[in-house]
């Protein structure tokens, strides 16, 4: 994973239920909504402060079954992250660029 990569463009494709990020190193990440929600980095979803800072599992992002969950809003958090609001009311996860890149479920990233 490259900690210095930054997104050039972020798109929520609600028809395909994907968050698509084009990175400044020309990589494209396509995150299923349910998979991103499953790896939410907030303290509640991670199971307490002792589990904070752990890398996301891209296999979970890839394999989480699709549900009726939808992405309602995306907010920038400074110049380092986004905060996502989900249709289940959850909105406390702050997804840093580093965290999102580590969560990329594409074939290339899964091999690395």
N, C-alpha and C. Protein backbone atom coordinates (compact mmCIF):
# COMPACT_ATOMS: atom_id res chain seq x y z
N UNK A 1 0.84 -1.17 0.00
CA UNK A 1 0.00 0.00 0.00
C UNK A 1 0.88 1.23 0.00
N UNK A 2 0.45 2.24 -0.71
CA UNK A 2 1.19 3.50 -0.78
C UNK A 2 0.46 4.53 0.06
N UNK A 3 1.07 4.97 1.14
CA UNK A 3 0.39 5.90 2.03
C UNK A 3 0.30 7.31 1.46
N UNK A 4 1.04 7.61 0.42
CA UNK A 4 1.03 8.96 -0.12
C UNK A 4 0.03 9.15 -1.26
N UNK A 5 -0.68 8.12 -1.65
CA UNK A 5 -1.65 8.28 -2.74
C UNK A 5 -2.86 9.06 -2.25
N UNK A 6 -3.41 9.82 -3.17
CA UNK A 6 -4.58 10.64 -2.86
C UNK A 6 -5.59 10.47 -3.98
N UNK A 7 -6.85 10.63 -3.66
CA UNK A 7 -7.86 10.50 -4.70
C UNK A 7 -7.90 11.72 -5.61
N UNK A 8 -8.13 11.46 -6.89
CA UNK A 8 -8.36 12.54 -7.84
C UNK A 8 -9.85 12.78 -8.01
N UNK A 9 -10.63 11.69 -7.86
CA UNK A 9 -12.08 11.78 -8.04
C UNK A 9 -12.74 10.68 -7.22
N UNK A 10 -13.86 11.02 -6.59
CA UNK A 10 -14.65 10.05 -5.82
C UNK A 10 -16.09 10.15 -6.33
N UNK A 11 -16.65 9.00 -6.71
CA UNK A 11 -18.01 8.95 -7.23
C UNK A 11 -18.80 7.87 -6.52
N UNK A 12 -20.00 8.20 -6.12
CA UNK A 12 -20.92 7.19 -5.59
C UNK A 12 -21.87 6.81 -6.71
N UNK A 13 -21.72 5.60 -7.22
CA UNK A 13 -22.63 5.10 -8.26
C UNK A 13 -23.73 4.33 -7.54
N UNK A 14 -24.84 4.98 -7.35
CA UNK A 14 -25.94 4.38 -6.59
C UNK A 14 -26.66 3.28 -7.36
N UNK A 15 -26.58 3.30 -8.69
CA UNK A 15 -27.18 2.22 -9.48
C UNK A 15 -26.39 0.93 -9.33
N UNK A 16 -25.05 1.03 -9.41
CA UNK A 16 -24.21 -0.15 -9.25
C UNK A 16 -23.88 -0.44 -7.79
N UNK A 17 -24.24 0.51 -6.91
CA UNK A 17 -23.98 0.39 -5.46
C UNK A 17 -22.48 0.28 -5.18
N UNK A 18 -21.73 1.20 -5.81
CA UNK A 18 -20.27 1.23 -5.69
C UNK A 18 -19.78 2.63 -5.36
N UNK A 19 -18.76 2.70 -4.51
CA UNK A 19 -17.99 3.93 -4.34
C UNK A 19 -16.75 3.73 -5.21
N UNK A 20 -16.56 4.63 -6.16
CA UNK A 20 -15.45 4.51 -7.11
C UNK A 20 -14.47 5.64 -6.84
N UNK A 21 -13.21 5.26 -6.63
CA UNK A 21 -12.16 6.25 -6.40
C UNK A 21 -11.08 6.09 -7.47
N UNK A 22 -10.77 7.21 -8.14
CA UNK A 22 -9.65 7.28 -9.06
C UNK A 22 -8.51 7.93 -8.28
N UNK A 23 -7.40 7.20 -8.15
CA UNK A 23 -6.26 7.65 -7.36
C UNK A 23 -5.24 8.36 -8.23
N UNK A 24 -4.37 9.16 -7.60
CA UNK A 24 -3.38 9.92 -8.35
C UNK A 24 -2.25 9.07 -8.93
N UNK A 25 -2.23 7.78 -8.60
CA UNK A 25 -1.25 6.88 -9.24
C UNK A 25 -1.90 6.09 -10.38
N UNK A 26 -3.07 6.55 -10.84
CA UNK A 26 -3.82 5.98 -11.96
C UNK A 26 -4.56 4.70 -11.63
N UNK A 27 -4.60 4.31 -10.36
CA UNK A 27 -5.35 3.13 -9.94
C UNK A 27 -6.82 3.51 -9.74
N UNK A 28 -7.71 2.56 -10.03
CA UNK A 28 -9.14 2.75 -9.78
C UNK A 28 -9.59 1.71 -8.77
N UNK A 29 -10.23 2.15 -7.70
CA UNK A 29 -10.80 1.26 -6.69
C UNK A 29 -12.32 1.33 -6.78
N UNK A 30 -12.96 0.15 -6.72
CA UNK A 30 -14.42 0.06 -6.79
C UNK A 30 -14.89 -0.71 -5.56
N UNK A 31 -15.50 0.01 -4.64
CA UNK A 31 -15.89 -0.56 -3.35
C UNK A 31 -17.40 -0.77 -3.30
N UNK A 32 -17.86 -2.02 -3.14
CA UNK A 32 -19.29 -2.24 -2.92
C UNK A 32 -19.72 -1.55 -1.62
N UNK A 33 -20.88 -0.91 -1.65
CA UNK A 33 -21.37 -0.21 -0.46
C UNK A 33 -21.37 -1.11 0.77
N UNK A 34 -21.93 -2.30 0.64
CA UNK A 34 -22.03 -3.19 1.81
C UNK A 34 -20.66 -3.58 2.35
N UNK A 35 -19.70 -3.75 1.47
CA UNK A 35 -18.35 -4.08 1.91
C UNK A 35 -17.70 -2.94 2.67
N UNK A 36 -17.89 -1.72 2.20
CA UNK A 36 -17.35 -0.57 2.92
C UNK A 36 -17.99 -0.42 4.29
N UNK A 37 -19.29 -0.62 4.34
CA UNK A 37 -19.98 -0.52 5.64
C UNK A 37 -19.47 -1.60 6.58
N UNK A 38 -19.16 -2.78 6.05
CA UNK A 38 -18.69 -3.91 6.88
C UNK A 38 -17.32 -3.64 7.49
N UNK A 39 -16.51 -2.81 6.86
CA UNK A 39 -15.18 -2.51 7.41
C UNK A 39 -15.11 -1.10 7.98
N UNK A 40 -16.24 -0.58 8.43
CA UNK A 40 -16.28 0.76 9.01
C UNK A 40 -15.19 0.89 10.08
N UNK A 41 -14.39 1.96 10.00
CA UNK A 41 -13.27 2.10 10.93
C UNK A 41 -13.61 2.74 12.28
N UNK A 42 -14.88 2.98 12.58
CA UNK A 42 -15.21 3.65 13.84
C UNK A 42 -15.01 2.71 15.03
N UNK A 43 -14.91 3.28 16.21
CA UNK A 43 -14.61 2.52 17.42
C UNK A 43 -15.71 1.49 17.73
N UNK A 44 -16.95 1.83 17.47
CA UNK A 44 -18.06 0.90 17.74
C UNK A 44 -17.97 -0.31 16.82
N UNK A 45 -17.79 -0.05 15.53
CA UNK A 45 -17.73 -1.15 14.56
C UNK A 45 -16.46 -1.99 14.71
N UNK A 46 -15.38 -1.37 15.15
CA UNK A 46 -14.11 -2.10 15.32
C UNK A 46 -14.07 -2.90 16.62
N UNK A 47 -15.01 -2.65 17.51
CA UNK A 47 -15.06 -3.44 18.74
C UNK A 47 -14.25 -2.86 19.88
N UNK A 48 -14.08 -1.55 19.89
CA UNK A 48 -13.38 -0.90 21.00
C UNK A 48 -12.07 -0.28 20.58
N UNK A 49 -11.54 0.55 21.48
CA UNK A 49 -10.32 1.30 21.20
C UNK A 49 -9.11 0.40 20.97
N UNK A 50 -9.09 -0.76 21.57
CA UNK A 50 -7.92 -1.64 21.41
C UNK A 50 -7.79 -2.17 19.98
N UNK A 51 -8.85 -2.07 19.18
CA UNK A 51 -8.82 -2.56 17.80
C UNK A 51 -8.67 -1.45 16.77
N UNK A 52 -8.56 -0.22 17.25
CA UNK A 52 -8.43 0.91 16.33
C UNK A 52 -7.05 0.87 15.66
N UNK A 53 -6.98 1.37 14.45
CA UNK A 53 -5.72 1.44 13.74
C UNK A 53 -5.37 0.18 12.95
N UNK A 54 -6.18 -0.86 13.08
CA UNK A 54 -5.91 -2.07 12.31
C UNK A 54 -6.32 -1.86 10.86
N UNK A 55 -5.60 -2.48 9.97
CA UNK A 55 -5.91 -2.37 8.54
C UNK A 55 -7.23 -3.06 8.22
N UNK A 56 -7.94 -2.56 7.24
CA UNK A 56 -9.18 -3.22 6.81
C UNK A 56 -8.86 -4.51 6.06
N UNK A 57 -9.83 -5.39 6.00
CA UNK A 57 -9.68 -6.63 5.26
C UNK A 57 -10.35 -6.48 3.90
N UNK A 58 -9.59 -6.37 2.82
CA UNK A 58 -10.21 -6.19 1.50
C UNK A 58 -11.06 -7.37 1.07
N UNK A 59 -10.79 -8.55 1.62
CA UNK A 59 -11.63 -9.71 1.30
C UNK A 59 -13.03 -9.53 1.88
N UNK A 60 -13.14 -8.88 3.03
CA UNK A 60 -14.46 -8.59 3.60
C UNK A 60 -15.18 -7.58 2.71
N UNK A 61 -14.46 -6.57 2.24
CA UNK A 61 -15.06 -5.59 1.34
C UNK A 61 -15.61 -6.29 0.10
N UNK A 62 -14.86 -7.20 -0.41
CA UNK A 62 -15.24 -7.90 -1.65
C UNK A 62 -16.39 -8.90 -1.45
N UNK A 63 -16.39 -9.60 -0.31
CA UNK A 63 -17.30 -10.74 -0.15
C UNK A 63 -18.55 -10.47 0.68
N UNK A 64 -18.70 -9.27 1.24
CA UNK A 64 -19.89 -8.99 2.04
C UNK A 64 -21.12 -9.06 1.15
N UNK A 65 -22.13 -9.84 1.55
CA UNK A 65 -23.33 -9.97 0.72
C UNK A 65 -24.06 -8.63 0.56
N UNK A 66 -24.66 -8.46 -0.59
CA UNK A 66 -25.41 -7.24 -0.86
C UNK A 66 -26.70 -7.22 -0.06
N UNK A 67 -27.05 -6.05 0.43
CA UNK A 67 -28.29 -5.86 1.18
C UNK A 67 -29.03 -4.65 0.61
N UNK A 68 -29.95 -4.13 1.35
CA UNK A 68 -30.69 -2.93 0.94
C UNK A 68 -29.99 -1.65 1.38
N UNK A 69 -28.84 -1.76 2.02
CA UNK A 69 -28.10 -0.62 2.52
C UNK A 69 -27.75 0.34 1.38
N UNK A 70 -27.89 1.62 1.63
CA UNK A 70 -27.47 2.59 0.63
C UNK A 70 -26.58 3.66 1.26
N UNK A 71 -25.81 4.28 0.43
CA UNK A 71 -24.93 5.37 0.84
C UNK A 71 -25.72 6.66 0.66
N UNK A 72 -25.94 7.37 1.76
CA UNK A 72 -26.76 8.58 1.73
C UNK A 72 -25.95 9.84 1.47
N UNK A 73 -24.79 9.97 2.13
CA UNK A 73 -23.99 11.19 2.01
C UNK A 73 -22.51 10.87 2.11
N UNK A 74 -21.71 11.74 1.50
CA UNK A 74 -20.25 11.68 1.61
C UNK A 74 -19.79 13.08 2.00
N UNK A 75 -18.99 13.16 3.06
CA UNK A 75 -18.46 14.44 3.51
C UNK A 75 -16.94 14.37 3.58
N UNK A 76 -16.29 15.41 3.11
CA UNK A 76 -14.84 15.50 3.24
C UNK A 76 -14.48 15.75 4.70
N UNK A 77 -13.41 15.12 5.14
CA UNK A 77 -12.86 15.36 6.47
C UNK A 77 -11.45 15.88 6.25
N UNK A 78 -11.30 17.18 6.34
CA UNK A 78 -10.01 17.79 6.04
C UNK A 78 -9.57 17.40 4.65
N UNK A 79 -8.28 17.18 4.50
CA UNK A 79 -7.71 16.76 3.22
C UNK A 79 -7.22 15.33 3.28
N UNK A 80 -7.73 14.56 4.28
CA UNK A 80 -7.17 13.23 4.49
C UNK A 80 -8.20 12.09 4.51
N UNK A 81 -9.50 12.40 4.44
CA UNK A 81 -10.48 11.34 4.63
C UNK A 81 -11.87 11.76 4.16
N UNK A 82 -12.78 10.79 4.17
CA UNK A 82 -14.20 11.06 3.96
C UNK A 82 -14.99 10.39 5.08
N UNK A 83 -16.14 10.95 5.35
CA UNK A 83 -17.07 10.37 6.32
C UNK A 83 -18.33 10.01 5.54
N UNK A 84 -18.78 8.77 5.71
CA UNK A 84 -19.92 8.26 4.96
C UNK A 84 -21.13 8.13 5.87
N UNK A 85 -22.29 8.51 5.36
CA UNK A 85 -23.54 8.34 6.08
C UNK A 85 -24.34 7.27 5.36
N UNK A 86 -24.71 6.24 6.10
CA UNK A 86 -25.41 5.08 5.54
C UNK A 86 -26.89 5.14 5.84
N UNK A 87 -27.68 4.42 5.07
CA UNK A 87 -29.14 4.42 5.25
C UNK A 87 -29.57 3.77 6.56
N UNK A 88 -28.66 3.04 7.22
CA UNK A 88 -29.00 2.47 8.52
C UNK A 88 -28.78 3.48 9.65
N UNK A 89 -28.43 4.72 9.28
CA UNK A 89 -28.24 5.79 10.26
C UNK A 89 -26.82 5.93 10.76
N UNK A 90 -25.94 5.03 10.40
CA UNK A 90 -24.56 5.07 10.88
C UNK A 90 -23.77 6.11 10.10
N UNK A 91 -22.96 6.91 10.85
CA UNK A 91 -22.18 7.94 10.16
C UNK A 91 -20.91 8.32 10.91
N UNK A 92 -20.44 7.49 11.82
CA UNK A 92 -19.28 7.88 12.63
C UNK A 92 -17.94 7.39 12.09
N UNK A 93 -17.94 6.61 11.05
CA UNK A 93 -16.68 6.11 10.49
C UNK A 93 -15.99 7.16 9.64
N UNK A 94 -14.72 7.39 9.91
CA UNK A 94 -13.92 8.29 9.09
C UNK A 94 -12.92 7.43 8.32
N UNK A 95 -13.08 7.40 7.01
CA UNK A 95 -12.29 6.55 6.12
C UNK A 95 -11.15 7.38 5.54
N UNK A 96 -9.95 7.20 6.08
CA UNK A 96 -8.79 7.94 5.56
C UNK A 96 -8.41 7.40 4.18
N UNK A 97 -7.66 8.20 3.45
CA UNK A 97 -7.19 7.74 2.13
C UNK A 97 -6.38 6.46 2.27
N UNK A 98 -5.52 6.42 3.26
CA UNK A 98 -4.70 5.23 3.49
C UNK A 98 -5.57 4.01 3.77
N UNK A 99 -6.58 4.19 4.61
CA UNK A 99 -7.49 3.09 4.97
C UNK A 99 -8.25 2.61 3.73
N UNK A 100 -8.77 3.56 2.94
CA UNK A 100 -9.52 3.18 1.75
C UNK A 100 -8.64 2.45 0.74
N UNK A 101 -7.43 2.93 0.55
CA UNK A 101 -6.55 2.26 -0.40
C UNK A 101 -6.22 0.84 0.06
N UNK A 102 -6.03 0.67 1.37
CA UNK A 102 -5.75 -0.66 1.91
C UNK A 102 -6.96 -1.58 1.78
N UNK A 103 -8.15 -1.01 1.69
CA UNK A 103 -9.39 -1.80 1.58
C UNK A 103 -9.75 -2.15 0.14
N UNK A 104 -8.98 -1.69 -0.82
CA UNK A 104 -9.31 -1.92 -2.22
C UNK A 104 -9.47 -3.41 -2.50
N UNK A 105 -10.64 -3.81 -3.02
CA UNK A 105 -10.90 -5.23 -3.24
C UNK A 105 -10.58 -5.74 -4.65
N UNK A 106 -9.83 -4.97 -5.42
CA UNK A 106 -9.56 -5.42 -6.80
C UNK A 106 -8.53 -6.56 -6.80
N UNK A 107 -8.47 -7.27 -7.90
CA UNK A 107 -7.56 -8.41 -8.02
C UNK A 107 -6.10 -8.03 -7.79
N UNK A 108 -5.70 -6.89 -8.34
CA UNK A 108 -4.31 -6.45 -8.21
C UNK A 108 -3.96 -6.20 -6.74
N UNK A 109 -4.81 -5.50 -6.02
CA UNK A 109 -4.54 -5.18 -4.62
C UNK A 109 -4.64 -6.40 -3.71
N UNK A 110 -5.49 -7.33 -4.05
CA UNK A 110 -5.61 -8.54 -3.24
C UNK A 110 -4.35 -9.41 -3.32
N UNK A 111 -3.64 -9.32 -4.43
CA UNK A 111 -2.42 -10.10 -4.62
C UNK A 111 -1.26 -9.47 -3.86
N UNK A 112 -1.23 -8.11 -3.81
CA UNK A 112 -0.11 -7.39 -3.15
C UNK A 112 0.01 -7.70 -1.70
